[in-house]
Amino acid sequence: MRPNDWQLTDDVDTFLARAGDFLRSRPALHTVPLTVTDALRAEGPGVYGPEAPVFGWLERAGEVRAAFFRTPPFPLVVTPLTPGDADAFAARLVGLGRAVPGVNADRETADAFAAAWQRHSGAAPALREQLRLYRLGTLTPPAPAPAGRARVAGERDEEHLMAWAGEFAAATGEPAPADARSWAASRIASGRVTYWEAPDGTPVSMAGTTPLVAGQIRVAPVYTPAPLRGRGYAGAATAEVSRAALAAGAREVLLFADLANPTSNGLYLRIGYVPVADFAVYAFGAPTP
């Protein structure tokens, strides 16, 4: 495989002009590139952090075969690759001196790229997270529902939503939003966060969604503060945003669950989600000089 088959750009529009049709051809497997590039176009290149994002695609005989992006400080995200293409891709990035702190991809691609990255850079990989991608089948809301009701977050919830975004990041080990206020404000303005609130009006759980892109909407994030878990609130909030996504015209409603959390995986199965594919996230150590 030839490393130079990989084309790189720092411009999201250039990337989508060449790789957009490829990404839209498999919207479930490509949900993260689709939603992230949509956010970059809508909110600007600094929405995920101060460093410029990078994009690229694998092209042979005039056809795009794979694509990737990275929005620092997050890991590299790459679509499915053969082991040979993963090796060529790692060689290309090492040859260019590109910093790659980790990779997020379907399990086979992530394993292959992590091994290739170690061969070419000397950096040892560590498996950080294993995820399962789910697609909504027949929505089955929890019955009985927990006490309370669903409510779309409004302007008065901005400070609260900012705080919960930070708590969610701390609980999952993910970087917090680069600008928590803009993160909250944009989701409130587009009605993309729903609270489940107790009968007294206190928010007890939340579920968010991505915008509709290529016929798919992804549920994210889902968060319940630790003292309130185990009471059905997350299931009720997730079912409500899933219903709203279908009503908004989504052909596919998707979400990721951490395989280390059997409670959340069981919850999503009970409300109608079915497995699509497994993903893995690796972190890389320092390259060997």
Protein backbone atom coordinates (compact mmCIF):
# COMPACT_ATOMS: atom_id res chain seq x y z
CA MET A 1 0.00 0.00 0.00
CA ARG A 2 1.28 3.48 -0.87
CA PRO A 3 1.37 6.09 1.91
CA ASN A 4 0.98 8.90 -0.64
CA ASP A 5 -2.51 7.66 -1.55
CA TRP A 6 -3.56 9.68 1.52
CA GLN A 7 -4.48 13.33 0.86
CA LEU A 8 -4.49 15.87 3.70
CA THR A 9 -6.09 19.28 4.15
CA ASP A 10 -6.85 21.74 6.95
CA ASP A 11 -10.00 23.00 5.22
CA VAL A 12 -13.29 21.32 6.09
CA ASP A 13 -15.01 22.42 2.90
CA THR A 14 -12.24 20.95 0.74
CA PHE A 15 -12.49 17.74 2.72
CA LEU A 16 -16.26 17.45 2.33
CA ALA A 17 -16.15 18.35 -1.36
CA ARG A 18 -14.00 15.27 -1.95
CA ALA A 19 -15.02 12.86 0.85
CA GLY A 20 -18.58 13.99 1.64
CA ASP A 21 -20.31 11.51 -0.67
CA PHE A 22 -18.21 8.70 0.77
CA LEU A 23 -19.18 9.65 4.33
CA ARG A 24 -22.88 9.91 3.43
CA SER A 25 -22.78 6.46 1.79
CA ARG A 26 -22.66 4.81 5.26
CA PRO A 27 -24.12 7.37 7.66
CA ALA A 28 -24.27 5.06 10.68
CA LEU A 29 -20.63 3.95 10.58
CA HIS A 30 -19.57 7.48 9.64
CA THR A 31 -21.75 9.29 12.19
CA VAL A 32 -18.85 10.94 14.02
CA PRO A 33 -17.13 12.45 10.94
CA LEU A 34 -20.51 13.60 9.64
CA THR A 35 -21.56 15.33 12.85
CA VAL A 36 -18.15 16.80 13.68
CA THR A 37 -17.66 18.33 10.24
CA ASP A 38 -21.19 19.70 10.40
CA ALA A 39 -20.36 21.39 13.72
CA LEU A 40 -17.11 22.80 12.34
CA ARG A 41 -18.93 24.37 9.41
CA ALA A 42 -21.70 25.77 11.60
CA GLU A 43 -19.65 26.98 14.58
CA GLY A 44 -16.14 27.53 13.23
CA PRO A 45 -12.79 25.71 13.38
CA GLY A 46 -12.23 26.52 17.07
CA VAL A 47 -15.36 24.80 18.36
CA TYR A 48 -13.39 21.82 19.74
CA GLY A 49 -10.20 23.61 20.75
CA PRO A 50 -7.70 26.31 19.76
CA GLU A 51 -5.59 24.07 17.50
CA ALA A 52 -6.60 23.79 13.86
CA PRO A 53 -8.30 20.55 12.82
CA VAL A 54 -6.87 18.35 10.08
CA PHE A 55 -8.72 16.14 7.58
CA GLY A 56 -7.84 13.65 4.90
CA TRP A 57 -8.97 10.86 2.64
CA LEU A 58 -7.61 7.75 0.94
CA GLU A 59 -8.07 7.90 -2.82
CA ARG A 60 -7.33 5.29 -5.46
CA ALA A 61 -8.32 5.31 -9.13
CA GLY A 62 -10.35 8.46 -8.52
CA GLU A 63 -12.42 6.87 -5.74
CA VAL A 64 -12.41 7.73 -2.04
CA ARG A 65 -11.91 4.58 0.03
CA ALA A 66 -11.55 5.98 3.56
CA ALA A 67 -11.41 9.27 5.46
CA PHE A 68 -10.12 10.71 8.71
CA PHE A 69 -10.10 13.86 10.80
CA ARG A 70 -8.58 15.12 14.01
CA THR A 71 -9.79 17.99 16.17
CA PRO A 72 -7.11 18.54 18.85
CA PRO A 73 -7.03 17.66 21.70
CA PHE A 74 -9.14 14.66 20.66
CA PRO A 75 -7.71 11.48 19.09
CA LEU A 76 -7.58 10.75 15.40
CA VAL A 77 -10.92 9.45 14.04
CA VAL A 78 -10.70 7.20 10.98
CA THR A 79 -13.23 5.20 8.96
CA PRO A 80 -12.76 1.43 8.45
CA LEU A 81 -9.40 0.41 6.95
CA THR A 82 -7.73 -2.82 5.88
CA PRO A 83 -4.59 -3.71 7.87
CA GLY A 84 -2.47 -2.72 4.84
CA ASP A 85 -4.15 0.67 4.52
CA ALA A 86 -3.81 1.24 8.28
CA ASP A 87 -0.08 0.57 8.02
CA ALA A 88 0.33 2.94 5.06
CA PHE A 89 -1.66 5.62 6.86
CA ALA A 90 0.47 5.37 10.00
CA ALA A 91 3.63 5.56 7.87
CA ARG A 92 2.32 8.64 6.09
CA LEU A 93 1.53 10.49 9.33
CA VAL A 94 4.85 9.58 10.93
CA GLY A 95 6.67 10.67 7.79
CA LEU A 96 4.93 14.04 7.94
CA GLY A 97 5.78 14.45 11.64
CA ARG A 98 2.11 14.63 12.61
CA ALA A 99 1.27 14.39 16.32
CA VAL A 100 -1.24 11.61 16.99
CA PRO A 101 -2.15 11.14 20.67
CA GLY A 102 -4.52 8.25 19.95
CA VAL A 103 -7.05 6.75 17.57
CA ASN A 104 -10.82 6.22 17.63
CA ALA A 105 -12.20 3.78 15.04
CA ASP A 106 -14.11 0.55 14.58
CA ARG A 107 -12.39 -2.16 16.63
CA GLU A 108 -10.51 -3.89 13.80
CA THR A 109 -9.24 -0.61 12.35
CA ALA A 110 -8.26 0.76 15.75
CA ASP A 111 -6.32 -2.42 16.58
CA ALA A 112 -4.55 -2.38 13.20
CA PHE A 113 -3.69 1.32 13.32
CA ALA A 114 -2.46 1.13 16.94
CA ALA A 115 -0.09 -1.72 16.01
CA ALA A 116 1.07 0.13 12.89
CA TRP A 117 1.61 3.36 14.82
CA GLN A 118 3.83 1.51 17.29
CA ARG A 119 5.84 -0.07 14.46
CA HIS A 120 6.45 3.24 12.70
CA SER A 121 6.73 5.65 15.64
CA GLY A 122 7.78 3.46 18.55
CA ALA A 123 4.91 4.83 20.67
CA ALA A 124 3.19 2.16 22.73
CA PRO A 125 -0.62 2.06 22.52
CA ALA A 126 -2.92 1.65 25.52
CA LEU A 127 -6.56 0.61 25.09
CA ARG A 128 -8.55 3.40 26.76
CA GLU A 129 -12.16 2.67 25.89
CA GLN A 130 -14.36 0.13 24.12
CA LEU A 131 -17.63 1.39 22.69
CA ARG A 132 -20.66 -0.12 20.99
CA LEU A 133 -22.57 1.78 18.33
CA TYR A 134 -26.34 1.24 18.50
CA ARG A 135 -29.12 2.03 16.03
CA LEU A 136 -32.73 2.53 17.11
CA GLY A 137 -35.07 -0.26 16.05
CA THR A 138 -38.57 -0.05 17.54
CA LEU A 139 -38.68 2.61 20.24
CA THR A 140 -40.01 1.17 23.51
CA PRO A 141 -40.21 3.90 26.17
CA PRO A 142 -39.81 2.76 29.78
CA ALA A 143 -43.06 1.64 31.35
CA PRO A 144 -43.84 2.84 33.85
CA ALA A 145 -41.92 6.05 33.32
CA PRO A 146 -40.22 7.55 36.39
CA ALA A 147 -42.00 10.37 38.17
CA GLY A 148 -41.65 13.70 36.45
CA ARG A 149 -41.64 14.82 32.84
CA ALA A 150 -39.46 15.71 29.87
CA ARG A 151 -38.65 19.34 29.14
CA VAL A 152 -36.50 20.88 26.42
CA ALA A 153 -33.73 22.98 27.98
CA GLY A 154 -34.25 26.75 27.62
CA GLU A 155 -32.28 29.95 28.12
CA ARG A 156 -32.76 29.86 31.89
CA ASP A 157 -30.87 26.53 31.95
CA GLU A 158 -27.63 27.83 30.42
CA GLU A 159 -25.56 27.93 33.63
CA HIS A 160 -26.92 24.58 34.75
CA LEU A 161 -26.17 22.99 31.39
CA MET A 162 -22.62 24.36 31.46
CA ALA A 163 -22.08 22.79 34.86
CA TRP A 164 -23.43 19.43 33.76
CA ALA A 165 -21.21 19.52 30.64
CA GLY A 166 -18.20 19.81 32.93
CA GLU A 167 -19.45 17.03 35.18
CA PHE A 168 -20.05 14.76 32.19
CA ALA A 169 -16.52 15.39 30.90
CA ALA A 170 -15.04 14.62 34.31
CA ALA A 171 -17.11 11.43 34.64
CA THR A 172 -16.13 10.12 31.20
CA GLY A 173 -12.53 11.32 31.09
CA GLU A 174 -13.20 13.35 27.95
CA PRO A 175 -12.00 16.95 27.47
CA ALA A 176 -14.59 19.51 28.53
CA PRO A 177 -16.05 21.77 25.82
CA ALA A 178 -13.55 24.38 24.65
CA ASP A 179 -16.14 27.09 25.38
CA ALA A 180 -18.78 25.74 27.74
CA ARG A 181 -21.03 28.77 27.37
CA SER A 182 -21.08 28.57 23.58
CA TRP A 183 -21.57 24.80 23.80
CA ALA A 184 -24.63 25.26 26.02
CA ALA A 185 -26.01 28.25 24.14
CA SER A 186 -25.88 26.55 20.74
CA ARG A 187 -27.69 23.47 22.01
CA ILE A 188 -30.34 25.53 23.77
CA ALA A 189 -30.90 27.65 20.67
CA SER A 190 -31.46 24.55 18.53
CA GLY A 191 -33.50 22.66 21.15
CA ARG A 192 -31.02 19.79 21.25
CA VAL A 193 -30.96 19.06 25.00
CA THR A 194 -33.87 17.56 26.91
CA TYR A 195 -34.06 17.33 30.68
CA TRP A 196 -36.00 14.81 32.65
CA GLU A 197 -37.17 16.79 35.64
CA ALA A 198 -38.61 15.63 38.93
CA PRO A 199 -42.19 16.59 39.88
CA ASP A 200 -40.83 19.65 41.70
CA GLY A 201 -39.12 20.86 38.51
CA THR A 202 -35.56 19.85 39.45
CA PRO A 203 -33.54 18.48 36.49
CA VAL A 204 -32.43 14.93 37.29
CA SER A 205 -31.05 13.75 33.91
CA MET A 206 -30.35 15.05 30.42
CA ALA A 207 -30.01 13.70 26.91
CA GLY A 208 -28.72 15.66 23.95
CA THR A 209 -28.65 15.09 20.21
CA THR A 210 -26.58 16.07 17.21
CA PRO A 211 -28.22 17.91 14.29
CA LEU A 212 -29.80 15.93 11.46
CA VAL A 213 -27.03 15.14 8.95
CA ALA A 214 -27.26 12.62 6.09
CA GLY A 215 -30.51 11.28 7.51
CA GLN A 216 -29.05 10.42 10.93
CA ILE A 217 -29.15 11.94 14.41
CA ARG A 218 -26.93 10.71 17.24
CA VAL A 219 -27.97 10.85 20.89
CA ALA A 220 -25.17 12.49 22.90
CA PRO A 221 -24.49 13.24 25.65
CA VAL A 222 -26.61 11.31 28.16
CA TYR A 223 -25.87 12.27 31.76
CA THR A 224 -27.36 11.68 35.20
CA PRO A 225 -25.52 12.87 38.33
CA ALA A 226 -24.20 9.91 40.31
CA PRO A 227 -26.55 10.30 43.34
CA LEU A 228 -29.59 10.15 41.01
CA ARG A 229 -28.67 7.11 38.94
CA GLY A 230 -30.59 3.83 38.94
CA ARG A 231 -34.03 5.46 38.99
CA GLY A 232 -34.89 5.30 35.29
CA TYR A 233 -34.28 8.97 34.54
CA ALA A 234 -31.67 8.41 31.79
CA GLY A 235 -33.89 5.89 30.04
CA ALA A 236 -36.83 8.28 30.06
CA ALA A 237 -34.72 11.20 28.75
CA THR A 238 -33.12 9.04 26.05
CA ALA A 239 -36.46 7.67 24.91
CA GLU A 240 -37.85 11.20 24.64
CA VAL A 241 -34.99 12.57 22.51
CA SER A 242 -35.12 9.41 20.38
CA ARG A 243 -38.83 10.02 19.74
CA ALA A 244 -38.10 13.64 18.88
CA ALA A 245 -35.34 12.60 16.47
CA LEU A 246 -37.73 10.34 14.60
CA ALA A 247 -40.30 13.14 14.51
CA ALA A 248 -37.63 15.45 13.06
CA GLY A 249 -37.20 13.09 10.10
CA ALA A 250 -34.19 11.00 11.08
CA ARG A 251 -33.98 7.74 9.17
CA GLU A 252 -31.43 6.46 11.68
CA VAL A 253 -31.13 7.35 15.36
CA LEU A 254 -27.78 6.30 16.81
CA LEU A 255 -25.83 6.33 20.04
CA PHE A 256 -22.60 5.02 21.51
CA ALA A 257 -22.35 3.18 24.83
CA ASP A 258 -19.25 2.32 26.85
CA LEU A 259 -18.96 -1.48 26.94
CA ALA A 260 -17.51 -1.20 30.45
CA ASN A 261 -20.94 0.02 31.63
CA PRO A 262 -23.41 -2.88 31.44
CA THR A 263 -26.16 -0.73 32.97
CA SER A 264 -26.25 1.74 30.08
CA ASN A 265 -25.96 -1.00 27.46
CA GLY A 266 -28.86 -2.86 29.04
CA LEU A 267 -30.90 0.33 29.17
CA TYR A 268 -30.46 1.08 25.48
CA LEU A 269 -31.37 -2.47 24.52
CA ARG A 270 -34.56 -2.27 26.59
CA ILE A 271 -35.76 0.91 24.90
CA GLY A 272 -35.24 -0.47 21.40
CA TYR A 273 -31.63 0.06 20.32
CA VAL A 274 -29.78 -2.73 18.49
CA PRO A 275 -25.99 -3.17 18.09
CA VAL A 276 -24.32 -2.02 14.86
CA ALA A 277 -20.54 -2.24 15.43
CA ASP A 278 -17.89 -2.11 18.13
CA PHE A 279 -15.34 0.68 18.35
CA ALA A 280 -12.14 1.20 20.33
CA VAL A 281 -10.16 4.19 21.49
CA TYR A 282 -6.40 3.88 22.00
CA ALA A 283 -4.05 6.40 23.60
CA PHE A 284 -0.44 6.51 22.40
CA GLY A 285 2.63 7.13 24.49
CA ALA A 286 5.52 9.35 23.46
CA PRO A 287 7.19 8.34 20.17
CA THR A 288 10.64 6.79 20.35
CA PRO A 289 13.33 9.20 19.04
